[in-house]
Amino acid sequence: MSKYMYEHTKMPPYLPMPRFLLNCPISNTAKMLYVRLLGKAQLSQKNQWVDGQGRVYFIYPIHQMATDMNKSATTIKDAMKELVKEQLLEKIPEGRGRPNRLYILFPDEEPGQKSAVGYPILNPADIAAKVVPGNILR
């Protein structure tokens, strides 16, 4: 049964969606996949999964993505191709039969610059710092 939201209602767990995705020319599936991948990247950041260049990476097998998003592996592969094409994701092969090493990428816009929809573009570190359970990104 659904309930109304009241002044002191505790927020359910949620994933933040970067505003730049709103006008990004990719499918909704690719957008939702990016949001999930961003969550995985934040977890890897917290656990200090960094490569020799200091870049945060994560491992997330396609079959697990498909299960988690209730999509087919083909749909996930297509969404990943969109993200790679838009330079929002980089995949580094780890060898035959092993999942790729994944890197989240952010658009090349200066922090503080206005996006196409008029919102300021935030530095990814600022986004992570402002995401607190129960709070909405402002």
N, C-alpha and C. Protein backbone atom coordinates (compact mmCIF):
# COMPACT_ATOMS: atom_id res chain seq x y z
N MET A 1 0.84 -1.17 0.00
CA MET A 1 0.00 0.00 0.00
C MET A 1 0.89 1.24 0.00
N SER A 2 0.54 2.23 -0.75
CA SER A 2 1.29 3.48 -0.84
C SER A 2 0.93 4.40 0.32
N LYS A 3 1.89 5.25 0.68
CA LYS A 3 1.68 6.19 1.77
C LYS A 3 2.04 7.58 1.28
N TYR A 4 1.42 8.59 1.86
CA TYR A 4 1.76 9.97 1.55
C TYR A 4 3.10 10.33 2.17
N MET A 5 3.74 11.32 1.62
CA MET A 5 4.95 11.87 2.19
C MET A 5 4.56 13.02 3.11
N TYR A 6 5.07 12.98 4.34
CA TYR A 6 4.80 14.03 5.32
C TYR A 6 6.10 14.76 5.64
N GLU A 7 5.99 15.80 6.42
CA GLU A 7 7.14 16.64 6.75
C GLU A 7 8.34 15.85 7.27
N HIS A 8 8.12 14.84 8.08
CA HIS A 8 9.22 14.09 8.69
C HIS A 8 9.33 12.67 8.15
N THR A 9 8.77 12.42 6.98
CA THR A 9 8.85 11.10 6.38
C THR A 9 10.30 10.80 5.99
N LYS A 10 10.78 9.63 6.37
CA LYS A 10 12.13 9.21 6.01
C LYS A 10 12.13 8.78 4.55
N MET A 11 13.13 9.27 3.79
CA MET A 11 13.23 8.94 2.37
C MET A 11 13.68 7.49 2.19
N PRO A 12 13.12 6.79 1.20
CA PRO A 12 13.60 5.45 0.90
C PRO A 12 14.97 5.54 0.22
N PRO A 13 15.72 4.46 0.20
CA PRO A 13 17.01 4.50 -0.49
C PRO A 13 16.82 4.90 -1.96
N TYR A 14 17.74 5.70 -2.48
CA TYR A 14 17.62 6.15 -3.86
C TYR A 14 19.00 6.37 -4.46
N LEU A 15 19.05 6.47 -5.76
CA LEU A 15 20.28 6.77 -6.49
C LEU A 15 20.16 8.15 -7.11
N PRO A 16 21.19 8.98 -6.97
CA PRO A 16 21.13 10.32 -7.58
C PRO A 16 21.33 10.23 -9.09
N MET A 17 20.62 11.06 -9.83
CA MET A 17 20.77 11.11 -11.28
C MET A 17 21.39 12.46 -11.64
N PRO A 18 22.58 12.46 -12.22
CA PRO A 18 23.19 13.74 -12.62
C PRO A 18 22.30 14.47 -13.61
N ARG A 19 22.18 15.78 -13.45
CA ARG A 19 21.30 16.57 -14.31
C ARG A 19 21.73 16.57 -15.77
N PHE A 20 23.02 16.40 -16.04
CA PHE A 20 23.46 16.42 -17.44
C PHE A 20 22.85 15.27 -18.24
N LEU A 21 22.38 14.23 -17.56
CA LEU A 21 21.75 13.12 -18.28
C LEU A 21 20.40 13.50 -18.86
N LEU A 22 19.75 14.53 -18.30
CA LEU A 22 18.41 14.90 -18.77
C LEU A 22 18.40 15.23 -20.26
N ASN A 23 19.43 15.91 -20.75
CA ASN A 23 19.48 16.30 -22.16
C ASN A 23 20.46 15.47 -22.96
N CYS A 24 20.96 14.42 -22.39
CA CYS A 24 21.92 13.56 -23.09
C CYS A 24 21.17 12.72 -24.13
N PRO A 25 21.69 12.65 -25.37
CA PRO A 25 20.98 11.94 -26.44
C PRO A 25 21.16 10.42 -26.38
N ILE A 26 20.77 9.83 -25.25
CA ILE A 26 20.84 8.39 -25.09
C ILE A 26 19.49 7.88 -24.60
N SER A 27 19.30 6.58 -24.70
CA SER A 27 18.03 5.99 -24.30
C SER A 27 17.85 6.06 -22.78
N ASN A 28 16.61 5.90 -22.35
CA ASN A 28 16.33 5.89 -20.92
C ASN A 28 17.01 4.72 -20.23
N THR A 29 17.12 3.59 -20.95
CA THR A 29 17.82 2.43 -20.38
C THR A 29 19.28 2.79 -20.13
N ALA A 30 19.92 3.48 -21.09
CA ALA A 30 21.32 3.89 -20.91
C ALA A 30 21.44 4.88 -19.75
N LYS A 31 20.48 5.76 -19.61
CA LYS A 31 20.51 6.72 -18.50
C LYS A 31 20.41 5.99 -17.15
N MET A 32 19.49 5.06 -17.05
CA MET A 32 19.33 4.33 -15.80
C MET A 32 20.55 3.45 -15.52
N LEU A 33 21.13 2.89 -16.58
CA LEU A 33 22.35 2.10 -16.40
C LEU A 33 23.47 2.99 -15.88
N TYR A 34 23.60 4.19 -16.43
CA TYR A 34 24.63 5.12 -15.97
C TYR A 34 24.45 5.43 -14.48
N VAL A 35 23.22 5.64 -14.07
CA VAL A 35 22.94 5.93 -12.65
C VAL A 35 23.38 4.75 -11.79
N ARG A 36 23.09 3.54 -12.21
CA ARG A 36 23.52 2.35 -11.45
C ARG A 36 25.03 2.24 -11.43
N LEU A 37 25.65 2.50 -12.60
CA LEU A 37 27.11 2.41 -12.68
C LEU A 37 27.77 3.49 -11.81
N LEU A 38 27.17 4.66 -11.76
CA LEU A 38 27.68 5.73 -10.91
C LEU A 38 27.67 5.29 -9.44
N GLY A 39 26.60 4.61 -9.04
CA GLY A 39 26.53 4.06 -7.69
C GLY A 39 27.63 3.05 -7.42
N LYS A 40 27.89 2.20 -8.39
CA LYS A 40 28.98 1.21 -8.26
C LYS A 40 30.33 1.93 -8.17
N ALA A 41 30.51 2.97 -8.98
CA ALA A 41 31.76 3.73 -8.97
C ALA A 41 31.96 4.41 -7.61
N GLN A 42 30.90 4.94 -7.02
CA GLN A 42 31.01 5.58 -5.72
C GLN A 42 31.42 4.56 -4.65
N LEU A 43 30.89 3.35 -4.75
CA LEU A 43 31.27 2.30 -3.81
C LEU A 43 32.75 1.94 -3.99
N SER A 44 33.20 1.86 -5.25
CA SER A 44 34.61 1.58 -5.52
C SER A 44 35.49 2.71 -5.01
N GLN A 45 35.02 3.94 -5.14
CA GLN A 45 35.76 5.11 -4.65
C GLN A 45 35.93 4.99 -3.13
N LYS A 46 34.85 4.63 -2.45
CA LYS A 46 34.89 4.47 -1.00
C LYS A 46 35.85 3.35 -0.60
N ASN A 47 35.89 2.27 -1.40
CA ASN A 47 36.75 1.12 -1.11
C ASN A 47 38.15 1.25 -1.71
N GLN A 48 38.43 2.41 -2.30
CA GLN A 48 39.75 2.73 -2.86
C GLN A 48 40.18 1.77 -3.98
N TRP A 49 39.24 1.46 -4.87
CA TRP A 49 39.58 0.68 -6.06
C TRP A 49 40.09 1.66 -7.10
N VAL A 50 41.38 1.88 -7.14
CA VAL A 50 41.97 2.81 -8.09
C VAL A 50 43.07 2.11 -8.87
N ASP A 51 43.26 2.53 -10.11
CA ASP A 51 44.31 1.96 -10.94
C ASP A 51 45.63 2.70 -10.69
N GLY A 52 46.65 2.38 -11.46
CA GLY A 52 47.96 3.00 -11.30
C GLY A 52 47.97 4.49 -11.58
N GLN A 53 46.93 5.00 -12.26
CA GLN A 53 46.84 6.43 -12.55
C GLN A 53 45.92 7.17 -11.58
N GLY A 54 45.44 6.46 -10.56
CA GLY A 54 44.58 7.08 -9.56
C GLY A 54 43.11 7.16 -9.96
N ARG A 55 42.74 6.53 -11.08
CA ARG A 55 41.35 6.57 -11.56
C ARG A 55 40.54 5.46 -10.89
N VAL A 56 39.33 5.80 -10.46
CA VAL A 56 38.44 4.83 -9.82
C VAL A 56 37.87 3.91 -10.89
N TYR A 57 37.89 2.62 -10.62
CA TYR A 57 37.31 1.64 -11.55
C TYR A 57 36.43 0.68 -10.76
N PHE A 58 35.65 -0.09 -11.50
CA PHE A 58 34.82 -1.11 -10.87
C PHE A 58 34.60 -2.25 -11.85
N ILE A 59 34.20 -3.37 -11.31
CA ILE A 59 33.89 -4.57 -12.10
C ILE A 59 32.40 -4.84 -11.90
N TYR A 60 31.68 -4.99 -13.00
CA TYR A 60 30.24 -5.25 -12.91
C TYR A 60 29.88 -6.08 -14.14
N PRO A 61 29.80 -7.40 -13.99
CA PRO A 61 29.53 -8.27 -15.14
C PRO A 61 28.18 -7.96 -15.80
N ILE A 62 28.14 -8.12 -17.11
CA ILE A 62 26.93 -7.82 -17.89
C ILE A 62 25.74 -8.64 -17.39
N HIS A 63 25.95 -9.92 -17.12
CA HIS A 63 24.81 -10.74 -16.67
C HIS A 63 24.25 -10.23 -15.34
N GLN A 64 25.12 -9.67 -14.49
CA GLN A 64 24.64 -9.12 -13.21
C GLN A 64 23.88 -7.82 -13.44
N MET A 65 24.38 -6.98 -14.36
CA MET A 65 23.67 -5.74 -14.71
C MET A 65 22.28 -6.08 -15.22
N ALA A 66 22.22 -7.08 -16.11
CA ALA A 66 20.95 -7.47 -16.71
C ALA A 66 19.98 -7.94 -15.63
N THR A 67 20.46 -8.74 -14.71
CA THR A 67 19.61 -9.23 -13.61
C THR A 67 19.15 -8.07 -12.73
N ASP A 68 20.09 -7.19 -12.36
CA ASP A 68 19.76 -6.08 -11.47
C ASP A 68 18.76 -5.10 -12.09
N MET A 69 18.81 -4.95 -13.43
CA MET A 69 17.92 -3.99 -14.10
C MET A 69 16.72 -4.66 -14.75
N ASN A 70 16.61 -5.98 -14.60
CA ASN A 70 15.51 -6.74 -15.19
C ASN A 70 15.44 -6.52 -16.71
N LYS A 71 16.63 -6.58 -17.34
CA LYS A 71 16.76 -6.42 -18.79
C LYS A 71 17.54 -7.59 -19.35
N SER A 72 17.53 -7.74 -20.66
CA SER A 72 18.32 -8.80 -21.28
C SER A 72 19.77 -8.34 -21.39
N ALA A 73 20.68 -9.30 -21.55
CA ALA A 73 22.10 -8.98 -21.72
C ALA A 73 22.30 -8.14 -22.98
N THR A 74 21.54 -8.42 -24.02
CA THR A 74 21.65 -7.66 -25.27
C THR A 74 21.25 -6.20 -25.05
N THR A 75 20.18 -5.96 -24.30
CA THR A 75 19.75 -4.59 -24.00
C THR A 75 20.82 -3.85 -23.21
N ILE A 76 21.44 -4.53 -22.25
CA ILE A 76 22.51 -3.91 -21.45
C ILE A 76 23.72 -3.61 -22.33
N LYS A 77 24.08 -4.52 -23.20
CA LYS A 77 25.21 -4.29 -24.11
C LYS A 77 24.94 -3.09 -25.01
N ASP A 78 23.71 -2.98 -25.51
CA ASP A 78 23.35 -1.83 -26.35
C ASP A 78 23.44 -0.52 -25.57
N ALA A 79 22.96 -0.53 -24.32
CA ALA A 79 23.02 0.68 -23.48
C ALA A 79 24.47 1.04 -23.18
N MET A 80 25.30 0.04 -22.95
CA MET A 80 26.71 0.31 -22.69
C MET A 80 27.38 0.91 -23.93
N LYS A 81 27.01 0.44 -25.11
CA LYS A 81 27.56 1.01 -26.35
C LYS A 81 27.19 2.49 -26.46
N GLU A 82 25.96 2.83 -26.07
CA GLU A 82 25.54 4.24 -26.08
C GLU A 82 26.39 5.07 -25.13
N LEU A 83 26.63 4.54 -23.93
CA LEU A 83 27.42 5.27 -22.94
C LEU A 83 28.87 5.45 -23.41
N VAL A 84 29.42 4.42 -24.03
CA VAL A 84 30.78 4.52 -24.55
C VAL A 84 30.83 5.55 -25.68
N LYS A 85 29.84 5.51 -26.57
CA LYS A 85 29.79 6.44 -27.70
C LYS A 85 29.71 7.89 -27.21
N GLU A 86 28.95 8.14 -26.16
CA GLU A 86 28.79 9.50 -25.60
C GLU A 86 29.92 9.85 -24.64
N GLN A 87 30.91 8.97 -24.53
CA GLN A 87 32.07 9.18 -23.67
C GLN A 87 31.67 9.37 -22.20
N LEU A 88 30.75 8.54 -21.75
CA LEU A 88 30.33 8.54 -20.35
C LEU A 88 30.82 7.28 -19.63
N LEU A 89 31.40 6.35 -20.40
CA LEU A 89 31.88 5.09 -19.85
C LEU A 89 33.07 4.61 -20.67
N GLU A 90 34.06 4.08 -19.98
CA GLU A 90 35.20 3.45 -20.66
C GLU A 90 35.29 2.02 -20.17
N LYS A 91 35.51 1.10 -21.11
CA LYS A 91 35.65 -0.32 -20.78
C LYS A 91 37.07 -0.75 -21.12
N ILE A 92 37.73 -1.41 -20.19
CA ILE A 92 39.07 -1.94 -20.42
C ILE A 92 38.97 -3.46 -20.27
N PRO A 93 39.25 -4.20 -21.36
CA PRO A 93 39.17 -5.67 -21.29
C PRO A 93 40.18 -6.23 -20.29
N GLU A 94 39.74 -7.22 -19.54
CA GLU A 94 40.60 -7.87 -18.55
C GLU A 94 41.03 -9.26 -19.01
N GLY A 95 40.65 -9.64 -20.21
CA GLY A 95 41.03 -10.95 -20.72
C GLY A 95 39.80 -11.77 -21.08
N ARG A 96 40.04 -12.76 -21.91
CA ARG A 96 38.95 -13.62 -22.41
C ARG A 96 38.19 -14.27 -21.26
N GLY A 97 36.86 -14.10 -21.30
CA GLY A 97 36.00 -14.71 -20.31
C GLY A 97 35.92 -13.96 -18.99
N ARG A 98 36.62 -12.84 -18.88
CA ARG A 98 36.59 -12.06 -17.64
C ARG A 98 35.85 -10.75 -17.89
N PRO A 99 35.14 -10.24 -16.88
CA PRO A 99 34.42 -8.97 -17.07
C PRO A 99 35.40 -7.81 -17.26
N ASN A 100 34.94 -6.80 -17.99
CA ASN A 100 35.75 -5.60 -18.24
C ASN A 100 35.93 -4.79 -16.97
N ARG A 101 37.01 -4.04 -16.95
CA ARG A 101 37.21 -3.02 -15.93
C ARG A 101 36.47 -1.79 -16.45
N LEU A 102 35.61 -1.19 -15.64
CA LEU A 102 34.77 -0.07 -16.07
C LEU A 102 35.17 1.22 -15.37
N TYR A 103 35.13 2.31 -16.13
CA TYR A 103 35.43 3.64 -15.61
C TYR A 103 34.27 4.57 -15.96
N ILE A 104 33.73 5.25 -14.97
CA ILE A 104 32.70 6.28 -15.21
C ILE A 104 33.40 7.53 -15.70
N LEU A 105 32.84 8.19 -16.70
CA LEU A 105 33.36 9.45 -17.21
C LEU A 105 32.30 10.53 -17.05
N PHE A 106 32.75 11.78 -16.96
CA PHE A 106 31.86 12.92 -16.84
C PHE A 106 32.07 13.84 -18.03
N PRO A 107 31.04 14.57 -18.46
CA PRO A 107 31.18 15.48 -19.61
C PRO A 107 32.26 16.54 -19.37
N ASP A 108 32.89 16.96 -20.45
CA ASP A 108 33.92 18.00 -20.39
C ASP A 108 33.31 19.38 -20.29
N GLU A 109 32.85 19.76 -19.11
CA GLU A 109 32.32 21.10 -18.88
C GLU A 109 32.96 21.62 -17.61
N GLU A 110 33.22 22.88 -17.58
CA GLU A 110 33.87 23.51 -16.43
C GLU A 110 32.91 23.56 -15.24
N PRO A 111 33.40 23.27 -14.01
CA PRO A 111 32.55 23.42 -12.82
C PRO A 111 32.02 24.85 -12.72
N GLY A 112 30.76 24.98 -12.35
CA GLY A 112 30.13 26.29 -12.23
C GLY A 112 29.51 26.78 -13.51
N GLN A 113 29.84 26.15 -14.65
CA GLN A 113 29.27 26.53 -15.94
C GLN A 113 27.81 26.09 -15.96
N LYS A 114 26.97 26.83 -16.67
CA LYS A 114 25.57 26.47 -16.79
C LYS A 114 25.40 25.37 -17.83
N SER A 115 24.59 24.38 -17.50
CA SER A 115 24.30 23.31 -18.45
C SER A 115 23.23 23.79 -19.42
N ALA A 116 22.89 22.91 -20.36
CA ALA A 116 21.89 23.26 -21.37
C ALA A 116 20.53 23.55 -20.74
N VAL A 117 20.26 22.99 -19.55
CA VAL A 117 18.96 23.23 -18.92
C VAL A 117 19.03 24.31 -17.84
N GLY A 118 20.20 24.97 -17.75
CA GLY A 118 20.30 26.11 -16.84
C GLY A 118 20.78 25.79 -15.44
N TYR A 119 21.08 24.53 -15.14
CA TYR A 119 21.58 24.17 -13.83
C TYR A 119 23.10 24.24 -13.83
N PRO A 120 23.71 24.63 -12.70
CA PRO A 120 25.18 24.65 -12.67
C PRO A 120 25.72 23.22 -12.75
N ILE A 121 26.82 23.06 -13.48
CA ILE A 121 27.50 21.78 -13.57
C ILE A 121 28.37 21.66 -12.32
N LEU A 122 28.20 20.58 -11.57
CA LEU A 122 28.97 20.39 -10.36
C LEU A 122 30.14 19.47 -10.62
N ASN A 123 31.19 19.66 -9.88
CA ASN A 123 32.31 18.75 -9.89
C ASN A 123 31.82 17.43 -9.31
N PRO A 124 32.23 16.26 -9.87
CA PRO A 124 31.78 14.97 -9.34
C PRO A 124 32.07 14.81 -7.85
N ALA A 125 33.17 15.37 -7.36
CA ALA A 125 33.47 15.28 -5.93
C ALA A 125 32.44 16.05 -5.11
N ASP A 126 31.96 17.18 -5.67
CA ASP A 126 30.92 17.95 -4.99
C ASP A 126 29.63 17.15 -4.92
N ILE A 127 29.32 16.42 -5.99
CA ILE A 127 28.10 15.61 -6.02
C ILE A 127 28.16 14.55 -4.94
N ALA A 128 29.29 13.82 -4.87
CA ALA A 128 29.44 12.76 -3.88
C ALA A 128 29.34 13.31 -2.47
N ALA A 129 29.89 14.50 -2.25
CA ALA A 129 29.87 15.10 -0.92
C ALA A 129 28.47 15.52 -0.50
N LYS A 130 27.61 15.87 -1.47
CA LYS A 130 26.27 16.35 -1.15
C LYS A 130 25.24 15.24 -1.05
N VAL A 131 25.59 14.02 -1.47
CA VAL A 131 24.64 12.93 -1.43
C VAL A 131 24.68 12.31 -0.04
N VAL A 132 23.66 12.59 0.72
CA VAL A 132 23.54 12.09 2.09
C VAL A 132 22.19 11.40 2.18
N PRO A 133 22.16 10.17 2.71
CA PRO A 133 20.87 9.48 2.81
C PRO A 133 19.82 10.37 3.48
N GLY A 134 18.67 10.46 2.84
CA GLY A 134 17.59 11.25 3.38
C GLY A 134 17.57 12.68 2.89
N ASN A 135 18.60 13.13 2.20
CA ASN A 135 18.65 14.50 1.67
C ASN A 135 18.55 14.48 0.16
N ILE A 136 17.98 15.52 -0.37
CA ILE A 136 17.89 15.68 -1.82
C ILE A 136 19.01 16.59 -2.24
N LEU A 137 19.63 16.27 -3.37
CA LEU A 137 20.71 17.10 -3.92
C LEU A 137 20.18 18.48 -4.23
N ARG A 138 20.86 19.50 -3.79
CA ARG A 138 20.42 20.88 -4.04
C ARG A 138 21.45 21.60 -4.86
